[in-house]
Amino acid sequence: MAVPYGHQAVDDADIQAVVDVLRGEWLTQGPAVAAFEETFAERCGAPYAVAFSSGTAALHAAAFAAGIGPGDELVTSALTFAASANCGAYLGATPRFADIDRSTWNVTAETIAASVGPRTRVVIPVHFAGLPAPVEDIRDALAENVTIIEDAAHALGAHRAGAQIGSCRHSHMTTFSFHPVKAIAAGEGGMVTTRDPQLRERLTRFRNHGLTNDRSSLTRDEGAWYAEQQDLGFNYRLSDIHSALGRSQLAKLDRYIELRNVIAARYRESLDGIGDLVLPPEAPADSLHAYHLFIVQHCGGREARRRLYGELHERGILVQVHYLPVYLHPWYRRLYGYEPGLCPEAERYYAGCLSLPCFPGLTEEDQRLVVDTLWDLCA
């Protein structure tokens, strides 16, 4: 049986939570959504959480709530999934890219500062692989009128210097993803946390076609039924079915993060000194890594990494590559004229990166198979 790089962990409690919704009155726009939002906000230490149909929808909504549009620029990490930059492009803004620090694979205040300009309206630091980025330092390096949106798709359950990722202590919003390989699985789904009630209102309207029936904000009141479209929003609502699964999974988050850290510690001990592989950055003593991904670097470069990828897949170990620097995708090169060399550290990282299996249900036996196979192929 193949060993995937990531996989959901679903138990009887999760199944029962979904069954309870299916047997109830609401499949969408019902009480399970609000319950999930309330529990999630409390878990992250933020006053508000707004649920969305995916992590990409959450990023799109956060960029919209920040007010970005044509003529503006958005800066994010070159090392991320394309959605971190696409959310600006959706709204007509121009995505720009900051390089990563070799020792953390995250952006820093210095790499962000080198990429911002007079038209920068939004900065999206990415907590890559689950290691918290230095958002407080980034905040201090930016002008007050720049909105910070943390992309925490990899980092639910992590913390930095006592601050939970998602608390928005040093940012305006934080976005999350509930794709099955993430820290908790809702099938699909996303969330935005914030401390700002006005941002919460904009987020809530955006996910529901831009509609509101809040009596205090209507241009007129024709009765209790009356609602207005005040923004050009989307149908980005999360269903009660997904919300029930996500809330059930959230109750197990601490255990899941503990298991991911145990797996990472085993890899570090078992792979130390192996051939041309370099182990990933660790979290500082005052922080907690979420280990959405456990990534090794092959110092032999792209061709050596390509061979190793193929050999591992032939043996049923389904490693993955995360990620091609966003600006090297053909669409970004074609539309914005980006070329190789823009972010040298991100490109150097990409040339050798390989994500090993790392998820709560990974057994010691399967992990030993991964380790033994790597020693066989790389020693």
Protein backbone atom coordinates (compact mmCIF):
# COMPACT_ATOMS: atom_id res chain seq x y z
CA MET A 1 0.00 0.00 0.00
CA ALA A 2 1.30 3.46 -0.90
CA VAL A 3 2.33 5.97 1.76
CA PRO A 4 1.01 9.47 0.84
CA TYR A 5 2.72 12.70 1.86
CA GLY A 6 -0.47 13.81 3.66
CA HIS A 7 -3.81 12.33 4.65
CA GLN A 8 -6.85 13.20 6.75
CA ALA A 9 -7.60 11.50 10.09
CA VAL A 10 -11.35 10.93 10.47
CA ASP A 11 -12.83 9.09 13.47
CA ASP A 12 -16.29 8.05 14.67
CA ALA A 13 -16.86 11.38 16.42
CA ASP A 14 -16.30 13.21 13.12
CA ILE A 15 -18.69 10.88 11.31
CA GLN A 16 -21.33 11.34 14.00
CA ALA A 17 -21.02 15.13 13.82
CA VAL A 18 -21.79 15.02 10.10
CA VAL A 19 -24.62 12.52 10.57
CA ASP A 20 -26.21 14.80 13.18
CA VAL A 21 -26.31 17.62 10.62
CA LEU A 22 -27.72 15.36 7.92
CA ARG A 23 -30.51 14.32 10.28
CA GLY A 24 -31.20 17.90 11.31
CA GLU A 25 -32.98 20.85 9.73
CA TRP A 26 -30.05 22.76 8.22
CA LEU A 27 -27.54 21.64 5.60
CA THR A 28 -26.21 25.14 4.93
CA GLN A 29 -26.48 28.65 6.43
CA GLY A 30 -27.48 27.06 9.72
CA PRO A 31 -26.24 26.91 13.34
CA ALA A 32 -23.28 24.57 12.71
CA VAL A 33 -21.49 27.33 10.79
CA ALA A 34 -21.80 29.85 13.61
CA ALA A 35 -20.76 27.23 16.16
CA PHE A 36 -17.63 26.41 14.14
CA GLU A 37 -16.75 30.10 13.79
CA GLU A 38 -17.19 30.74 17.51
CA THR A 39 -15.12 27.73 18.55
CA PHE A 40 -12.41 28.52 15.99
CA ALA A 41 -12.10 32.16 17.08
CA GLU A 42 -11.80 31.08 20.70
CA ARG A 43 -9.13 28.52 19.82
CA CYS A 44 -7.06 31.12 17.98
CA GLY A 45 -7.53 33.87 20.56
CA ALA A 46 -9.27 36.26 18.15
CA PRO A 47 -12.65 37.97 18.65
CA TYR A 48 -14.02 37.03 15.23
CA ALA A 49 -13.81 34.18 12.71
CA VAL A 50 -15.64 34.03 9.36
CA ALA A 51 -15.97 30.69 7.55
CA PHE A 52 -15.49 30.23 3.79
CA SER A 53 -15.82 27.45 1.25
CA SER A 54 -12.04 27.10 0.82
CA GLY A 55 -8.73 28.58 1.87
CA THR A 56 -8.51 30.28 -1.51
CA ALA A 57 -11.93 31.89 -0.97
CA ALA A 58 -10.71 33.05 2.46
CA LEU A 59 -7.68 34.74 0.89
CA HIS A 60 -9.83 36.35 -1.83
CA ALA A 61 -12.22 37.68 0.81
CA ALA A 62 -9.41 39.01 3.01
CA ALA A 63 -7.84 40.85 0.08
CA PHE A 64 -11.26 42.31 -0.78
CA ALA A 65 -11.88 43.36 2.82
CA ALA A 66 -8.50 45.13 2.78
CA GLY A 67 -9.78 47.28 -0.09
CA ILE A 68 -7.14 46.34 -2.65
CA GLY A 69 -7.83 46.98 -6.32
CA PRO A 70 -6.44 48.13 -9.69
CA GLY A 71 -3.29 50.22 -9.31
CA ASP A 72 -2.42 48.64 -5.98
CA GLU A 73 0.27 46.06 -5.25
CA LEU A 74 0.23 43.02 -2.99
CA VAL A 75 3.48 41.53 -1.66
CA THR A 76 3.73 37.90 -0.59
CA SER A 77 6.31 35.16 -0.35
CA ALA A 78 7.71 33.71 -3.55
CA LEU A 79 7.53 30.33 -1.80
CA THR A 80 3.84 29.54 -1.43
CA PHE A 81 0.86 28.10 -3.22
CA ALA A 82 -0.30 30.44 -5.99
CA ALA A 83 -3.51 31.39 -4.13
CA SER A 84 -1.50 33.65 -1.80
CA ALA A 85 -0.78 35.90 -4.79
CA ASN A 86 -3.82 35.14 -6.94
CA CYS A 87 -6.09 36.79 -4.37
CA GLY A 88 -4.63 40.16 -5.35
CA ALA A 89 -4.81 39.43 -9.07
CA TYR A 90 -8.50 38.51 -8.73
CA LEU A 91 -9.15 42.11 -7.65
CA GLY A 92 -7.00 43.78 -10.29
CA ALA A 93 -3.96 44.41 -8.08
CA THR A 94 -0.40 43.46 -9.06
CA PRO A 95 1.26 40.66 -7.07
CA ARG A 96 4.88 41.24 -6.06
CA PHE A 97 7.18 38.71 -4.43
CA ALA A 98 9.58 38.70 -1.50
CA ASP A 99 12.44 36.24 -1.20
CA ILE A 100 12.81 33.81 1.69
CA ASP A 101 15.43 33.50 4.38
CA ARG A 102 17.61 30.42 3.86
CA SER A 103 17.51 29.47 7.54
CA THR A 104 13.70 29.50 7.91
CA TRP A 105 12.20 29.34 4.37
CA ASN A 106 9.97 32.23 5.47
CA VAL A 107 9.94 35.86 4.44
CA THR A 108 11.51 38.34 6.86
CA ALA A 109 11.09 42.03 7.59
CA GLU A 110 14.14 42.65 5.39
CA THR A 111 12.96 40.64 2.38
CA ILE A 112 9.49 42.17 2.62
CA ALA A 113 10.92 45.70 2.91
CA ALA A 114 13.00 45.09 -0.22
CA SER A 115 9.83 44.26 -2.17
CA VAL A 116 7.34 46.89 -1.06
CA GLY A 117 6.84 50.14 -2.94
CA PRO A 118 4.64 53.23 -2.86
CA ARG A 119 1.68 51.27 -4.29
CA THR A 120 1.87 48.40 -1.78
CA ARG A 121 -1.47 48.12 0.02
CA VAL A 122 -1.36 44.51 1.30
CA VAL A 123 1.40 42.23 2.56
CA ILE A 124 0.75 38.50 3.01
CA PRO A 125 3.42 36.72 5.07
CA VAL A 126 3.17 32.94 4.71
CA HIS A 127 3.87 30.61 7.64
CA PHE A 128 5.53 28.12 5.33
CA ALA A 129 5.31 24.39 6.19
CA GLY A 130 3.92 25.36 9.62
CA LEU A 131 6.87 27.40 10.94
CA PRO A 132 5.60 30.80 12.16
CA ALA A 133 6.96 33.78 10.25
CA PRO A 134 8.16 36.95 12.07
CA VAL A 135 4.95 38.94 11.63
CA GLU A 136 5.69 41.36 14.47
CA ASP A 137 8.99 42.36 12.83
CA ILE A 138 7.26 42.69 9.47
CA ARG A 139 4.58 44.91 11.00
CA ASP A 140 7.28 47.23 12.42
CA ALA A 141 8.90 47.51 8.99
CA LEU A 142 5.73 48.61 7.16
CA ALA A 143 3.80 51.84 6.89
CA GLU A 144 0.61 52.09 8.93
CA ASN A 145 -1.60 52.09 5.83
CA VAL A 146 -0.43 48.62 4.73
CA THR A 147 -2.78 45.78 5.63
CA ILE A 148 -1.17 42.54 6.82
CA ILE A 149 -2.94 39.27 6.04
CA GLU A 150 -1.25 36.19 7.46
CA ASP A 151 -1.52 33.10 5.27
CA ALA A 152 -1.70 30.35 7.89
CA ALA A 153 -2.95 27.54 5.65
CA HIS A 154 0.01 25.50 6.97
CA ALA A 155 0.11 26.78 10.52
CA LEU A 156 -3.11 26.19 12.45
CA GLY A 157 -2.09 25.13 15.96
CA ALA A 158 1.33 26.78 15.81
CA HIS A 159 2.42 29.69 17.98
CA ARG A 160 5.29 32.17 18.07
CA ALA A 161 6.60 33.80 21.24
CA GLY A 162 3.37 33.02 23.08
CA ALA A 163 1.05 34.30 20.33
CA GLN A 164 -1.28 31.77 18.70
CA ILE A 165 -1.28 31.88 14.93
CA GLY A 166 -4.65 33.40 14.11
CA SER A 167 -4.82 35.73 17.10
CA CYS A 168 -4.03 38.68 14.78
CA ARG A 169 -1.96 40.41 17.41
CA HIS A 170 0.34 41.88 14.77
CA SER A 171 -1.83 41.61 11.67
CA HIS A 172 -5.28 42.62 10.46
CA MET A 173 -6.47 39.18 9.32
CA THR A 174 -5.28 35.56 9.23
CA THR A 175 -6.49 32.97 6.72
CA PHE A 176 -6.69 29.18 7.10
CA SER A 177 -7.46 26.13 4.96
CA PHE A 178 -9.28 22.92 5.87
CA HIS A 179 -8.27 20.83 2.87
CA PRO A 180 -7.87 17.15 3.89
CA VAL A 181 -4.06 17.32 4.13
CA LYS A 182 -4.15 20.35 6.44
CA ALA A 183 -4.08 20.38 10.26
CA ILE A 184 -7.82 19.79 10.41
CA ALA A 185 -10.01 18.54 7.58
CA ALA A 186 -13.47 19.74 6.60
CA GLY A 187 -13.38 18.22 3.12
CA GLU A 188 -12.95 21.73 1.80
CA GLY A 189 -13.17 24.96 3.74
CA GLY A 190 -11.39 28.03 5.01
CA MET A 191 -11.55 30.65 7.73
CA VAL A 192 -10.49 34.24 8.33
CA THR A 193 -9.84 35.54 11.85
CA THR A 194 -9.70 39.24 12.73
CA ARG A 195 -9.97 41.68 15.61
CA ASP A 196 -11.71 44.35 13.54
CA PRO A 197 -15.55 44.30 13.50
CA GLN A 198 -15.65 46.29 10.25
CA LEU A 199 -13.42 43.75 8.51
CA ARG A 200 -15.64 40.99 9.87
CA GLU A 201 -18.68 42.68 8.32
CA ARG A 202 -16.96 43.06 4.93
CA LEU A 203 -15.86 39.42 5.02
CA THR A 204 -19.34 38.21 5.90
CA ARG A 205 -20.95 40.17 3.06
CA PHE A 206 -18.37 39.07 0.54
CA ARG A 207 -18.99 35.36 1.10
CA ASN A 208 -22.74 35.85 0.52
CA HIS A 209 -22.92 37.71 -2.82
CA GLY A 210 -22.27 41.06 -1.12
CA LEU A 211 -25.70 40.91 0.51
CA THR A 212 -26.69 42.28 3.90
CA ASN A 213 -29.92 42.58 5.85
CA ASP A 214 -28.33 44.46 8.74
CA ARG A 215 -30.93 47.14 9.45
CA SER A 216 -28.27 49.65 10.51
CA SER A 217 -26.50 49.58 7.14
CA LEU A 218 -29.41 49.39 4.69
CA THR A 219 -30.10 52.35 2.42
CA ARG A 220 -33.80 51.84 3.09
CA ASP A 221 -35.98 49.43 5.04
CA GLU A 222 -38.90 47.80 3.28
CA GLY A 223 -39.53 45.13 5.88
CA ALA A 224 -37.97 42.19 7.68
CA TRP A 225 -37.45 40.34 4.39
CA TYR A 226 -35.45 43.13 2.78
CA ALA A 227 -31.74 42.69 1.90
CA GLU A 228 -29.37 44.66 -0.32
CA GLN A 229 -26.32 43.79 -2.37
CA GLN A 230 -23.81 46.38 -1.26
CA ASP A 231 -20.67 44.76 -2.70
CA LEU A 232 -19.85 42.48 -5.62
CA GLY A 233 -19.43 39.32 -3.57
CA PHE A 234 -19.39 35.60 -4.27
CA ASN A 235 -21.08 32.47 -3.04
CA TYR A 236 -18.22 31.43 -0.77
CA ARG A 237 -20.38 30.04 2.03
CA LEU A 238 -19.31 26.98 4.02
CA SER A 239 -22.05 24.41 4.56
CA ASP A 240 -23.20 23.07 7.92
CA ILE A 241 -21.94 19.65 6.83
CA HIS A 242 -18.39 20.92 6.37
CA SER A 243 -18.64 23.06 9.50
CA ALA A 244 -19.69 20.15 11.68
CA LEU A 245 -16.74 18.09 10.46
CA GLY A 246 -14.34 21.00 10.92
CA ARG A 247 -15.53 21.72 14.45
CA SER A 248 -15.24 18.05 15.42
CA GLN A 249 -11.72 17.96 13.99
CA LEU A 250 -10.78 21.16 15.82
CA ALA A 251 -11.34 19.41 19.16
CA LYS A 252 -8.42 17.11 18.25
CA LEU A 253 -6.07 19.81 16.95
CA ASP A 254 -3.62 19.75 19.87
CA ARG A 255 -3.23 15.99 19.56
CA TYR A 256 -2.74 16.23 15.80
CA ILE A 257 -0.01 18.87 16.18
CA GLU A 258 1.67 16.79 18.89
CA LEU A 259 1.71 13.76 16.57
CA ARG A 260 3.15 15.80 13.70
CA ASN A 261 5.95 17.01 15.99
CA VAL A 262 6.64 13.44 17.13
CA ILE A 263 6.93 12.36 13.48
CA ALA A 264 9.24 15.29 12.74
CA ALA A 265 11.45 14.42 15.72
CA ARG A 266 11.74 10.82 14.49
CA TYR A 267 12.75 12.01 11.05
CA ARG A 268 15.37 14.33 12.52
CA GLU A 269 16.88 11.56 14.59
CA SER A 270 16.68 8.88 11.87
CA LEU A 271 17.84 10.98 8.90
CA ASP A 272 20.60 12.98 10.57
CA GLY A 273 23.71 12.82 8.40
CA ILE A 274 22.13 11.05 5.44
CA GLY A 275 23.85 11.63 2.12
CA ASP A 276 23.00 14.87 0.33
CA LEU A 277 19.76 15.50 2.25
CA VAL A 278 19.45 18.51 4.55
CA LEU A 279 16.79 18.60 7.25
CA PRO A 280 14.29 21.47 7.51
CA PRO A 281 14.43 24.49 9.84
CA GLU A 282 13.28 23.98 13.42
CA ALA A 283 11.10 26.30 15.48
CA PRO A 284 12.77 28.50 18.13
CA ALA A 285 12.42 27.41 21.75
CA ASP A 286 9.59 29.91 22.37
CA SER A 287 7.55 28.76 19.35
CA LEU A 288 5.69 25.69 18.09
CA HIS A 289 5.98 24.32 14.56
CA ALA A 290 2.76 22.90 13.08
CA TYR A 291 4.64 20.60 10.64
CA HIS A 292 2.04 20.67 7.93
CA LEU A 293 5.00 19.60 5.81
CA PHE A 294 8.30 17.92 6.64
CA ILE A 295 10.58 18.95 3.79
CA VAL A 296 14.12 17.82 3.10
CA GLN A 297 16.52 19.49 0.69
CA HIS A 298 18.53 17.47 -1.82
CA CYS A 299 21.83 19.26 -2.28
CA GLY A 300 22.38 17.55 -5.62
CA GLY A 301 19.91 19.91 -7.30
CA ARG A 302 16.93 19.44 -9.58
CA GLU A 303 18.03 16.37 -11.51
CA ALA A 304 19.07 14.49 -8.36
CA ARG A 305 15.80 15.48 -6.69
CA ARG A 306 13.86 14.36 -9.78
CA ARG A 307 15.52 10.94 -9.73
CA LEU A 308 14.90 10.51 -6.01
CA TYR A 309 11.25 11.54 -6.42
CA GLY A 310 10.78 8.92 -9.12
CA GLU A 311 12.56 6.17 -7.19
CA LEU A 312 10.48 6.84 -4.07
CA HIS A 313 7.23 6.79 -6.04
CA GLU A 314 8.23 3.50 -7.64
CA ARG A 315 8.51 2.08 -4.13
CA GLY A 316 5.11 3.45 -3.05
CA ILE A 317 6.34 6.45 -1.07
CA LEU A 318 4.39 9.36 -2.53
CA VAL A 319 6.61 12.31 -1.73
CA GLN A 320 5.65 15.69 -3.17
CA VAL A 321 7.27 19.01 -4.15
CA HIS A 322 6.15 22.28 -2.50
CA TYR A 323 6.46 24.71 -4.35
CA LEU A 324 7.57 26.18 -7.64
CA PRO A 325 8.12 29.90 -6.88
CA VAL A 326 4.86 31.54 -7.85
CA TYR A 327 6.32 34.06 -10.29
CA LEU A 328 7.78 31.21 -12.40
CA HIS A 329 4.33 29.87 -13.31
CA PRO A 330 3.63 30.59 -17.00
CA TRP A 331 0.62 32.81 -16.26
CA TYR A 332 2.72 35.11 -14.02
CA ARG A 333 5.57 35.23 -16.49
CA ARG A 334 3.22 35.96 -19.38
CA LEU A 335 1.12 38.61 -17.67
CA TYR A 336 3.68 40.38 -15.46
CA GLY A 337 6.95 39.60 -17.23
CA TYR A 338 8.60 37.81 -14.33
CA GLU A 339 11.80 35.91 -15.07
CA PRO A 340 14.09 33.51 -13.18
CA GLY A 341 16.46 35.19 -10.74
CA LEU A 342 13.90 37.41 -9.02
CA CYS A 343 14.13 35.55 -5.70
CA PRO A 344 17.37 33.53 -5.63
CA GLU A 345 16.81 31.85 -2.27
CA ALA A 346 13.33 30.64 -3.22
CA GLU A 347 14.73 29.24 -6.47
CA ARG A 348 17.63 27.56 -4.67
CA TYR A 349 15.17 26.01 -2.24
CA TYR A 350 12.90 24.78 -5.05
CA ALA A 351 15.76 23.04 -6.83
CA GLY A 352 16.10 20.47 -4.03
CA CYS A 353 12.91 20.39 -1.96
CA LEU A 354 11.03 17.17 -1.27
CA SER A 355 8.07 16.77 1.13
CA LEU A 356 8.14 13.48 3.05
CA PRO A 357 5.01 11.76 4.44
CA CYS A 358 3.92 13.64 7.56
CA PHE A 359 0.40 13.36 8.96
CA PRO A 360 -1.19 12.21 12.25
CA GLY A 361 -2.09 8.75 10.96
CA LEU A 362 1.41 7.92 9.72
CA THR A 363 2.42 4.74 11.57
CA GLU A 364 5.89 4.13 12.96
CA GLU A 365 6.13 1.17 10.60
CA ASP A 366 5.37 3.30 7.54
CA GLN A 367 7.72 6.02 8.71
CA ARG A 368 10.45 3.44 9.19
CA LEU A 369 9.82 2.31 5.59
CA VAL A 370 10.30 5.90 4.41
CA VAL A 371 13.50 6.29 6.42
CA ASP A 372 14.98 2.94 5.40
CA THR A 373 14.20 3.62 1.74
CA LEU A 374 15.86 7.03 1.89
CA TRP A 375 18.98 5.51 3.45
CA ASP A 376 18.99 2.85 0.77
CA LEU A 377 18.73 5.41 -2.02
CA CYS A 378 20.76 8.30 -0.60
CA ALA A 379 23.50 6.94 1.65
